[in-house]
């Protein structure tokens, strides 16, 4: 299942409640990670809707010991309050650990995305507020190892792989670190 095999570098950021969240806080859980921003006019709303579908299906199957990490690619705009408000528009089940992360600058998120996930975060084109970023979801095991990526939205090549993501999360939760 491994496509990456590397572990996520250490980091310290802030979640939607203004609390510190670090790489160490990931230990012992399976995570699905993505990169979004709240005023995105294109891919982020369907990505977040798709992530909500994943979470709802995992909950329906009784899967535990997983969480979601959504890193904003627009940290100046996306304060904890803005991130919390954004997620309130989606049907996320009570009790799901979905961390919306900021508390860093643009250079951090650009380097974090590139070094750990081999994905782009680029500044908005002149006259725009739309940050360019990858649309993948990443599966991360209990030890912080990146196992696999998936398209976060339907692409010209394929539909959003809801069943595959849910199955893979379930497998890693049940079988342990890869």
N, C-alpha and C. Protein backbone atom coordinates (compact mmCIF):
# COMPACT_ATOMS: atom_id res chain seq x y z
N UNK A 1 0.82 -1.19 0.00
CA UNK A 1 0.00 0.00 0.00
C UNK A 1 0.86 1.26 0.00
N UNK A 2 2.12 1.14 0.41
CA UNK A 2 2.95 2.33 0.58
C UNK A 2 3.33 2.95 -0.75
N UNK A 3 3.12 4.24 -0.86
CA UNK A 3 3.58 4.98 -2.03
C UNK A 3 4.69 5.94 -1.63
N UNK A 4 4.66 6.38 -0.41
CA UNK A 4 5.62 7.38 0.07
C UNK A 4 6.65 6.75 0.99
N UNK A 5 6.20 6.27 2.14
CA UNK A 5 7.10 5.61 3.06
C UNK A 5 7.83 6.53 4.02
N UNK A 6 7.81 7.82 3.76
CA UNK A 6 8.51 8.72 4.68
C UNK A 6 7.57 9.18 5.79
N UNK A 7 8.16 9.49 6.92
CA UNK A 7 7.38 10.01 8.03
C UNK A 7 7.33 11.53 7.93
N UNK A 8 6.23 12.09 8.40
CA UNK A 8 6.05 13.53 8.39
C UNK A 8 7.07 14.18 9.31
N UNK A 9 7.65 15.27 8.85
CA UNK A 9 8.59 16.03 9.67
C UNK A 9 7.89 16.62 10.88
N UNK A 10 8.67 16.88 11.94
CA UNK A 10 8.11 17.54 13.12
C UNK A 10 7.52 18.89 12.76
N UNK A 11 6.43 19.23 13.43
CA UNK A 11 5.82 20.54 13.24
C UNK A 11 5.07 20.91 14.52
N UNK A 12 4.80 22.20 14.65
CA UNK A 12 3.97 22.71 15.74
C UNK A 12 3.10 23.82 15.15
N UNK A 13 1.78 23.61 15.18
CA UNK A 13 0.83 24.53 14.59
C UNK A 13 -0.30 24.79 15.60
N UNK A 14 -1.34 25.47 15.15
CA UNK A 14 -2.48 25.79 16.00
C UNK A 14 -3.74 25.23 15.35
N UNK A 15 -4.64 24.67 16.18
CA UNK A 15 -5.88 24.14 15.63
C UNK A 15 -7.00 25.17 15.68
N UNK A 16 -8.19 24.75 15.27
CA UNK A 16 -9.34 25.64 15.18
C UNK A 16 -9.81 26.17 16.54
N UNK A 17 -9.32 25.58 17.61
CA UNK A 17 -9.65 26.05 18.96
C UNK A 17 -8.54 26.92 19.53
N UNK A 18 -7.52 27.21 18.72
CA UNK A 18 -6.40 28.01 19.18
C UNK A 18 -5.41 27.23 20.03
N UNK A 19 -5.54 25.91 20.03
CA UNK A 19 -4.65 25.06 20.82
C UNK A 19 -3.51 24.53 19.96
N UNK A 20 -2.37 24.30 20.59
CA UNK A 20 -1.20 23.78 19.88
C UNK A 20 -1.45 22.34 19.46
N UNK A 21 -1.04 22.02 18.24
CA UNK A 21 -1.09 20.66 17.71
C UNK A 21 0.26 20.38 17.08
N UNK A 22 0.86 19.24 17.45
CA UNK A 22 2.20 18.90 16.97
C UNK A 22 2.22 17.55 16.29
N UNK A 23 3.32 17.27 15.67
CA UNK A 23 3.53 15.96 15.04
C UNK A 23 3.34 14.84 16.07
N UNK A 24 3.80 15.07 17.30
CA UNK A 24 3.64 14.05 18.36
C UNK A 24 2.18 13.76 18.66
N UNK A 25 1.31 14.75 18.50
CA UNK A 25 -0.12 14.55 18.75
C UNK A 25 -0.77 13.59 17.75
N UNK A 26 -0.09 13.30 16.67
CA UNK A 26 -0.61 12.38 15.66
C UNK A 26 -0.41 10.92 16.06
N UNK A 27 0.54 10.67 16.96
CA UNK A 27 0.92 9.29 17.30
C UNK A 27 -0.28 8.45 17.74
N UNK A 28 -0.34 7.22 17.23
CA UNK A 28 -1.35 6.27 17.68
C UNK A 28 -2.67 6.32 16.94
N UNK A 29 -2.83 7.24 15.99
CA UNK A 29 -4.05 7.34 15.21
C UNK A 29 -3.73 7.32 13.72
N UNK A 30 -4.68 6.87 12.94
CA UNK A 30 -4.61 6.96 11.50
C UNK A 30 -5.19 8.32 11.12
N UNK A 31 -4.54 9.02 10.19
CA UNK A 31 -4.99 10.35 9.79
C UNK A 31 -5.20 10.42 8.29
N UNK A 32 -6.18 11.22 7.89
CA UNK A 32 -6.36 11.62 6.50
C UNK A 32 -6.08 13.11 6.49
N UNK A 33 -5.18 13.54 5.62
CA UNK A 33 -4.72 14.92 5.61
C UNK A 33 -5.00 15.55 4.25
N UNK A 34 -5.39 16.84 4.29
CA UNK A 34 -5.51 17.59 3.05
C UNK A 34 -5.10 19.04 3.25
N UNK A 35 -5.04 19.77 2.14
CA UNK A 35 -4.70 21.19 2.14
C UNK A 35 -5.88 21.95 1.53
N UNK A 36 -6.41 22.92 2.28
CA UNK A 36 -7.58 23.69 1.84
C UNK A 36 -7.41 25.16 2.23
N UNK A 37 -8.36 25.99 1.83
CA UNK A 37 -8.51 27.33 2.40
C UNK A 37 -9.97 27.74 2.27
N UNK A 38 -10.40 28.58 3.20
CA UNK A 38 -11.84 28.81 3.37
C UNK A 38 -12.48 29.69 2.31
N UNK A 39 -11.72 30.56 1.65
CA UNK A 39 -12.35 31.38 0.61
C UNK A 39 -12.07 30.84 -0.79
N UNK A 40 -11.73 29.59 -0.87
CA UNK A 40 -11.48 28.90 -2.14
C UNK A 40 -12.78 28.87 -2.95
N UNK A 41 -12.67 29.24 -4.21
CA UNK A 41 -13.85 29.29 -5.08
C UNK A 41 -13.97 28.06 -5.98
N UNK A 42 -13.05 27.12 -5.87
CA UNK A 42 -13.08 25.99 -6.80
C UNK A 42 -13.07 24.64 -6.09
N UNK A 43 -11.90 24.12 -5.76
CA UNK A 43 -11.78 22.72 -5.33
C UNK A 43 -12.04 22.46 -3.85
N UNK A 44 -11.85 23.45 -2.99
CA UNK A 44 -11.94 23.19 -1.55
C UNK A 44 -13.34 22.81 -1.07
N UNK A 45 -14.40 23.49 -1.52
CA UNK A 45 -15.72 23.03 -1.06
C UNK A 45 -16.04 21.58 -1.43
N UNK A 46 -15.80 21.14 -2.68
CA UNK A 46 -16.05 19.72 -2.94
C UNK A 46 -15.08 18.79 -2.21
N UNK A 47 -13.83 19.23 -2.01
CA UNK A 47 -12.89 18.41 -1.24
C UNK A 47 -13.41 18.21 0.19
N UNK A 48 -13.86 19.30 0.81
CA UNK A 48 -14.33 19.20 2.18
C UNK A 48 -15.62 18.39 2.24
N UNK A 49 -16.49 18.53 1.25
CA UNK A 49 -17.70 17.69 1.19
C UNK A 49 -17.32 16.22 1.05
N UNK A 50 -16.32 15.92 0.23
CA UNK A 50 -15.88 14.53 0.06
C UNK A 50 -15.25 14.00 1.34
N UNK A 51 -14.45 14.83 2.03
CA UNK A 51 -13.86 14.39 3.30
C UNK A 51 -14.97 14.11 4.32
N UNK A 52 -16.02 14.93 4.28
CA UNK A 52 -17.16 14.70 5.17
C UNK A 52 -17.82 13.36 4.85
N UNK A 53 -17.93 13.01 3.58
CA UNK A 53 -18.47 11.70 3.19
C UNK A 53 -17.61 10.58 3.76
N UNK A 54 -16.29 10.73 3.67
CA UNK A 54 -15.38 9.72 4.22
C UNK A 54 -15.63 9.54 5.71
N UNK A 55 -15.68 10.65 6.42
CA UNK A 55 -15.87 10.62 7.87
C UNK A 55 -17.22 9.98 8.22
N UNK A 56 -18.27 10.37 7.50
CA UNK A 56 -19.59 9.79 7.77
C UNK A 56 -19.61 8.28 7.53
N UNK A 57 -18.92 7.83 6.50
CA UNK A 57 -18.87 6.39 6.22
C UNK A 57 -18.04 5.66 7.27
N UNK A 58 -16.92 6.23 7.69
CA UNK A 58 -16.11 5.61 8.75
C UNK A 58 -16.92 5.50 10.04
N UNK A 59 -17.66 6.56 10.36
CA UNK A 59 -18.50 6.53 11.55
C UNK A 59 -19.60 5.47 11.42
N UNK A 60 -20.22 5.38 10.25
CA UNK A 60 -21.29 4.40 10.02
C UNK A 60 -20.76 2.98 10.19
N UNK A 61 -19.49 2.76 9.86
CA UNK A 61 -18.89 1.42 9.99
C UNK A 61 -18.28 1.20 11.38
N UNK A 62 -18.38 2.19 12.26
CA UNK A 62 -17.88 2.03 13.62
C UNK A 62 -16.37 2.09 13.74
N UNK A 63 -15.70 2.69 12.77
CA UNK A 63 -14.24 2.79 12.80
C UNK A 63 -13.84 3.88 13.79
N UNK A 64 -12.86 3.57 14.62
CA UNK A 64 -12.35 4.53 15.60
C UNK A 64 -10.85 4.71 15.39
N UNK A 65 -10.24 5.53 16.20
CA UNK A 65 -8.79 5.75 16.16
C UNK A 65 -8.30 6.30 14.83
N UNK A 66 -9.08 7.24 14.29
CA UNK A 66 -8.64 7.97 13.10
C UNK A 66 -9.01 9.44 13.31
N UNK A 67 -8.44 10.29 12.48
CA UNK A 67 -8.77 11.71 12.51
C UNK A 67 -8.47 12.34 11.17
N UNK A 68 -8.86 13.61 11.04
CA UNK A 68 -8.64 14.37 9.82
C UNK A 68 -7.81 15.60 10.17
N UNK A 69 -6.83 15.90 9.33
CA UNK A 69 -6.03 17.11 9.45
C UNK A 69 -6.20 17.92 8.17
N UNK A 70 -6.73 19.13 8.29
CA UNK A 70 -6.85 20.04 7.15
C UNK A 70 -5.96 21.25 7.43
N UNK A 71 -4.88 21.35 6.67
CA UNK A 71 -3.96 22.47 6.78
C UNK A 71 -4.42 23.58 5.84
N UNK A 72 -4.59 24.80 6.35
CA UNK A 72 -4.92 25.91 5.46
C UNK A 72 -3.69 26.33 4.67
N UNK A 73 -3.91 26.67 3.40
CA UNK A 73 -2.83 27.21 2.57
C UNK A 73 -2.91 28.74 2.52
N UNK A 74 -3.85 29.30 3.28
CA UNK A 74 -4.01 30.76 3.38
C UNK A 74 -4.04 31.14 4.86
N UNK A 75 -2.90 30.98 5.55
CA UNK A 75 -2.89 31.14 7.00
C UNK A 75 -3.19 32.56 7.49
N UNK A 76 -2.97 33.57 6.65
CA UNK A 76 -3.28 34.93 7.09
C UNK A 76 -4.78 35.16 7.20
N UNK A 77 -5.54 34.59 6.28
CA UNK A 77 -7.00 34.76 6.27
C UNK A 77 -7.68 33.78 7.22
N UNK A 78 -7.21 32.55 7.23
CA UNK A 78 -7.90 31.47 7.94
C UNK A 78 -7.49 31.40 9.41
N UNK A 79 -8.06 32.28 10.20
CA UNK A 79 -7.86 32.25 11.65
C UNK A 79 -8.60 31.04 12.22
N UNK A 80 -8.34 30.67 13.47
CA UNK A 80 -9.09 29.57 14.07
C UNK A 80 -10.60 29.77 13.98
N UNK A 81 -11.07 30.99 14.20
CA UNK A 81 -12.51 31.26 14.16
C UNK A 81 -13.07 31.06 12.75
N UNK A 82 -12.33 31.52 11.74
CA UNK A 82 -12.76 31.37 10.35
C UNK A 82 -12.80 29.89 9.97
N UNK A 83 -11.79 29.14 10.39
CA UNK A 83 -11.75 27.70 10.10
C UNK A 83 -12.91 26.96 10.76
N UNK A 84 -13.19 27.29 12.00
CA UNK A 84 -14.28 26.64 12.73
C UNK A 84 -15.63 26.94 12.05
N UNK A 85 -15.82 28.18 11.65
CA UNK A 85 -17.04 28.58 10.94
C UNK A 85 -17.17 27.82 9.62
N UNK A 86 -16.07 27.70 8.88
CA UNK A 86 -16.06 26.99 7.60
C UNK A 86 -16.55 25.55 7.77
N UNK A 87 -16.01 24.84 8.74
CA UNK A 87 -16.37 23.43 8.91
C UNK A 87 -17.81 23.28 9.40
N UNK A 88 -18.35 24.29 10.06
CA UNK A 88 -19.73 24.21 10.57
C UNK A 88 -20.75 24.09 9.44
N UNK A 89 -20.36 24.39 8.21
CA UNK A 89 -21.26 24.30 7.07
C UNK A 89 -21.33 22.88 6.50
N UNK A 90 -20.60 21.98 7.08
CA UNK A 90 -20.57 20.59 6.62
C UNK A 90 -21.15 19.68 7.70
N UNK A 91 -21.66 18.55 7.29
CA UNK A 91 -22.34 17.62 8.18
C UNK A 91 -21.35 16.65 8.83
N UNK A 92 -20.51 17.19 9.71
CA UNK A 92 -19.48 16.38 10.37
C UNK A 92 -20.10 15.80 11.66
N UNK A 93 -20.06 14.47 11.82
CA UNK A 93 -20.63 13.87 13.02
C UNK A 93 -19.97 14.36 14.30
N UNK A 94 -20.76 14.46 15.33
CA UNK A 94 -20.27 14.85 16.66
C UNK A 94 -19.18 13.88 17.11
N UNK A 95 -18.13 14.42 17.68
CA UNK A 95 -17.08 13.58 18.26
C UNK A 95 -15.95 13.20 17.31
N UNK A 96 -16.09 13.52 16.02
CA UNK A 96 -15.01 13.23 15.07
C UNK A 96 -13.87 14.21 15.30
N UNK A 97 -12.65 13.70 15.34
CA UNK A 97 -11.49 14.57 15.49
C UNK A 97 -11.05 15.07 14.12
N UNK A 98 -11.45 16.29 13.81
CA UNK A 98 -11.10 16.93 12.55
C UNK A 98 -10.42 18.23 12.91
N UNK A 99 -9.11 18.26 12.76
CA UNK A 99 -8.31 19.43 13.11
C UNK A 99 -8.13 20.31 11.89
N UNK A 100 -8.49 21.60 12.04
CA UNK A 100 -8.26 22.60 11.01
C UNK A 100 -7.08 23.43 11.48
N UNK A 101 -5.99 23.40 10.72
CA UNK A 101 -4.71 23.86 11.25
C UNK A 101 -4.20 25.13 10.59
N UNK A 102 -3.66 26.01 11.44
CA UNK A 102 -2.99 27.23 11.01
C UNK A 102 -1.93 27.56 12.06
N UNK A 103 -1.64 28.85 12.25
CA UNK A 103 -0.61 29.21 13.24
C UNK A 103 0.79 29.14 12.66
N UNK A 104 0.88 29.39 11.37
CA UNK A 104 2.16 29.37 10.67
C UNK A 104 2.07 30.38 9.54
N UNK A 105 3.18 30.61 8.87
CA UNK A 105 3.16 31.54 7.75
C UNK A 105 3.17 30.78 6.42
N UNK A 106 3.07 31.54 5.34
CA UNK A 106 3.01 30.95 4.01
C UNK A 106 4.24 30.10 3.69
N UNK A 107 5.41 30.56 4.08
CA UNK A 107 6.63 29.79 3.80
C UNK A 107 6.60 28.42 4.46
N UNK A 108 6.08 28.37 5.69
CA UNK A 108 5.97 27.09 6.38
C UNK A 108 5.11 26.13 5.57
N UNK A 109 3.91 26.54 5.18
CA UNK A 109 2.99 25.61 4.53
C UNK A 109 3.49 25.21 3.15
N UNK A 110 4.12 26.14 2.44
CA UNK A 110 4.69 25.79 1.14
C UNK A 110 5.76 24.71 1.30
N UNK A 111 6.68 24.92 2.24
CA UNK A 111 7.75 23.94 2.46
C UNK A 111 7.23 22.64 3.05
N UNK A 112 6.29 22.70 3.98
CA UNK A 112 5.71 21.51 4.60
C UNK A 112 5.05 20.63 3.54
N UNK A 113 4.26 21.24 2.65
CA UNK A 113 3.56 20.49 1.60
C UNK A 113 4.55 19.87 0.62
N UNK A 114 5.54 20.64 0.24
CA UNK A 114 6.51 20.17 -0.75
C UNK A 114 7.40 19.07 -0.19
N UNK A 115 7.96 19.29 1.01
CA UNK A 115 8.91 18.32 1.57
C UNK A 115 8.26 17.02 2.00
N UNK A 116 7.08 17.11 2.60
CA UNK A 116 6.43 15.91 3.13
C UNK A 116 5.56 15.20 2.11
N UNK A 117 4.87 15.96 1.26
CA UNK A 117 3.83 15.37 0.41
C UNK A 117 4.09 15.53 -1.08
N UNK A 118 5.24 16.16 -1.42
CA UNK A 118 5.60 16.34 -2.84
C UNK A 118 4.47 17.05 -3.60
N UNK A 119 3.84 18.02 -2.95
CA UNK A 119 2.74 18.75 -3.58
C UNK A 119 2.99 20.25 -3.51
N UNK A 120 2.31 20.97 -4.37
CA UNK A 120 2.53 22.40 -4.53
C UNK A 120 1.60 23.24 -3.64
N UNK A 121 2.13 24.31 -3.13
CA UNK A 121 1.34 25.43 -2.60
C UNK A 121 2.01 26.67 -3.19
N UNK A 122 1.25 27.39 -4.01
CA UNK A 122 1.81 28.56 -4.69
C UNK A 122 0.93 29.78 -4.42
N UNK A 123 1.55 30.95 -4.37
CA UNK A 123 0.78 32.16 -4.07
C UNK A 123 -0.26 32.44 -5.15
N UNK A 124 -1.29 33.21 -4.78
CA UNK A 124 -2.31 33.54 -5.77
C UNK A 124 -1.72 34.32 -6.93
N UNK A 125 -2.27 34.11 -8.14
CA UNK A 125 -1.84 34.95 -9.27
C UNK A 125 -2.19 36.42 -8.99
N UNK A 126 -1.50 37.30 -9.63
CA UNK A 126 -1.73 38.74 -9.45
C UNK A 126 -3.21 39.06 -9.64
N UNK A 127 -3.78 39.82 -8.70
CA UNK A 127 -5.18 40.21 -8.80
C UNK A 127 -6.17 39.17 -8.31
N UNK A 128 -5.67 38.09 -7.72
CA UNK A 128 -6.54 37.01 -7.23
C UNK A 128 -6.24 36.74 -5.76
N UNK A 129 -7.18 36.11 -5.07
CA UNK A 129 -6.94 35.66 -3.70
C UNK A 129 -6.97 34.13 -3.63
N UNK A 130 -6.86 33.47 -4.79
CA UNK A 130 -6.97 32.02 -4.86
C UNK A 130 -5.59 31.37 -4.89
N UNK A 131 -5.23 30.75 -3.77
CA UNK A 131 -3.96 30.06 -3.64
C UNK A 131 -4.01 28.78 -4.49
N UNK A 132 -2.92 28.49 -5.17
CA UNK A 132 -2.81 27.24 -5.92
C UNK A 132 -2.29 26.16 -4.97
N UNK A 133 -2.97 25.00 -4.96
CA UNK A 133 -2.53 23.91 -4.09
C UNK A 133 -3.01 22.58 -4.64
N UNK A 134 -2.39 21.51 -4.15
CA UNK A 134 -2.78 20.17 -4.56
C UNK A 134 -4.14 19.79 -4.02
N UNK A 135 -4.77 18.81 -4.67
CA UNK A 135 -6.12 18.39 -4.29
C UNK A 135 -6.17 16.98 -3.72
N UNK A 136 -5.03 16.46 -3.31
CA UNK A 136 -4.99 15.08 -2.82
C UNK A 136 -5.35 14.98 -1.34
N UNK A 137 -5.84 13.81 -0.98
CA UNK A 137 -5.97 13.39 0.41
C UNK A 137 -4.82 12.41 0.65
N UNK A 138 -4.25 12.45 1.85
CA UNK A 138 -3.11 11.59 2.18
C UNK A 138 -3.46 10.72 3.36
N UNK A 139 -3.14 9.42 3.26
CA UNK A 139 -3.34 8.46 4.34
C UNK A 139 -2.05 8.34 5.13
N UNK A 140 -2.15 8.52 6.45
CA UNK A 140 -0.98 8.52 7.33
C UNK A 140 -1.22 7.51 8.45
N UNK A 141 -0.24 6.65 8.70
CA UNK A 141 -0.43 5.62 9.72
C UNK A 141 -0.17 6.14 11.13
N UNK A 142 -0.28 5.23 12.09
CA UNK A 142 -0.18 5.56 13.51
C UNK A 142 1.20 6.09 13.91
N UNK A 143 2.20 5.86 13.09
CA UNK A 143 3.56 6.34 13.37
C UNK A 143 3.91 7.58 12.56
N UNK A 144 2.93 8.14 11.85
CA UNK A 144 3.19 9.35 11.07
C UNK A 144 3.78 9.09 9.71
N UNK A 145 3.71 7.84 9.24
CA UNK A 145 4.24 7.51 7.92
C UNK A 145 3.16 7.75 6.86
N UNK A 146 3.54 8.45 5.80
CA UNK A 146 2.63 8.71 4.69
C UNK A 146 2.56 7.46 3.83
N UNK A 147 1.35 6.90 3.71
CA UNK A 147 1.20 5.63 3.01
C UNK A 147 0.74 5.77 1.57
N UNK A 148 -0.16 6.74 1.32
CA UNK A 148 -0.84 6.74 0.03
C UNK A 148 -1.52 8.09 -0.17
N UNK A 149 -1.78 8.43 -1.43
CA UNK A 149 -2.60 9.61 -1.70
C UNK A 149 -3.76 9.23 -2.61
N UNK A 150 -4.77 10.08 -2.61
CA UNK A 150 -6.00 9.87 -3.38
C UNK A 150 -6.43 11.22 -3.94
N UNK A 151 -7.11 11.23 -5.08
CA UNK A 151 -7.68 12.49 -5.53
C UNK A 151 -8.79 12.91 -4.57
N UNK A 152 -8.78 14.18 -4.16
CA UNK A 152 -9.78 14.67 -3.22
C UNK A 152 -11.09 15.06 -3.85
N UNK A 153 -11.11 15.08 -5.18
CA UNK A 153 -12.31 15.40 -5.95
C UNK A 153 -12.33 14.50 -7.18
N UNK A 154 -13.47 14.48 -7.86
CA UNK A 154 -13.53 13.79 -9.15
C UNK A 154 -12.54 14.46 -10.09
N UNK A 155 -11.83 13.64 -10.85
CA UNK A 155 -10.92 14.19 -11.86
C UNK A 155 -11.38 13.68 -13.22
N UNK A 156 -10.77 14.18 -14.26
CA UNK A 156 -11.11 13.69 -15.59
C UNK A 156 -10.85 12.21 -15.75
N UNK A 157 -9.92 11.69 -14.93
CA UNK A 157 -9.54 10.28 -15.04
C UNK A 157 -10.38 9.35 -14.17
N UNK A 158 -10.89 9.87 -13.05
CA UNK A 158 -11.58 8.96 -12.13
C UNK A 158 -12.52 9.72 -11.20
N UNK A 159 -13.42 8.94 -10.61
CA UNK A 159 -14.32 9.49 -9.60
C UNK A 159 -13.60 9.50 -8.25
N UNK A 160 -14.10 10.33 -7.35
CA UNK A 160 -13.57 10.37 -6.00
C UNK A 160 -13.64 8.97 -5.39
N UNK A 161 -12.52 8.43 -4.88
CA UNK A 161 -12.46 7.02 -4.44
C UNK A 161 -12.92 6.81 -2.99
N UNK A 162 -14.15 7.16 -2.69
CA UNK A 162 -14.68 7.07 -1.33
C UNK A 162 -14.47 5.68 -0.73
N UNK A 163 -14.92 4.64 -1.43
CA UNK A 163 -14.84 3.29 -0.88
C UNK A 163 -13.39 2.85 -0.64
N UNK A 164 -12.49 3.22 -1.53
CA UNK A 164 -11.07 2.86 -1.38
C UNK A 164 -10.47 3.52 -0.14
N UNK A 165 -10.76 4.81 0.06
CA UNK A 165 -10.22 5.52 1.22
C UNK A 165 -10.75 4.89 2.51
N UNK A 166 -12.04 4.66 2.57
CA UNK A 166 -12.64 4.09 3.78
C UNK A 166 -12.05 2.70 4.05
N UNK A 167 -11.92 1.90 3.01
CA UNK A 167 -11.34 0.56 3.16
C UNK A 167 -9.90 0.63 3.65
N UNK A 168 -9.11 1.53 3.08
CA UNK A 168 -7.71 1.66 3.47
C UNK A 168 -7.57 2.15 4.92
N UNK A 169 -8.38 3.14 5.31
CA UNK A 169 -8.34 3.62 6.70
C UNK A 169 -8.68 2.48 7.63
N UNK A 170 -9.74 1.76 7.32
CA UNK A 170 -10.17 0.62 8.14
C UNK A 170 -9.04 -0.40 8.28
N UNK A 171 -8.38 -0.73 7.16
CA UNK A 171 -7.29 -1.70 7.19
C UNK A 171 -6.15 -1.24 8.08
N UNK A 172 -5.73 0.02 7.96
CA UNK A 172 -4.61 0.52 8.75
C UNK A 172 -4.98 0.62 10.22
N UNK A 173 -6.22 1.02 10.51
CA UNK A 173 -6.68 1.05 11.91
C UNK A 173 -6.62 -0.36 12.51
N UNK A 174 -7.12 -1.34 11.76
CA UNK A 174 -7.20 -2.71 12.28
C UNK A 174 -5.85 -3.43 12.29
N UNK A 175 -5.00 -3.19 11.27
CA UNK A 175 -3.75 -3.93 11.13
C UNK A 175 -2.55 -3.23 11.77
N UNK A 176 -2.72 -1.97 12.12
CA UNK A 176 -1.63 -1.24 12.75
C UNK A 176 -0.71 -0.61 11.73
N UNK A 177 0.37 0.02 12.23
CA UNK A 177 1.29 0.73 11.35
C UNK A 177 1.86 -0.16 10.27
N UNK A 178 2.16 0.44 9.13
CA UNK A 178 2.64 -0.32 7.96
C UNK A 178 4.11 -0.65 8.07
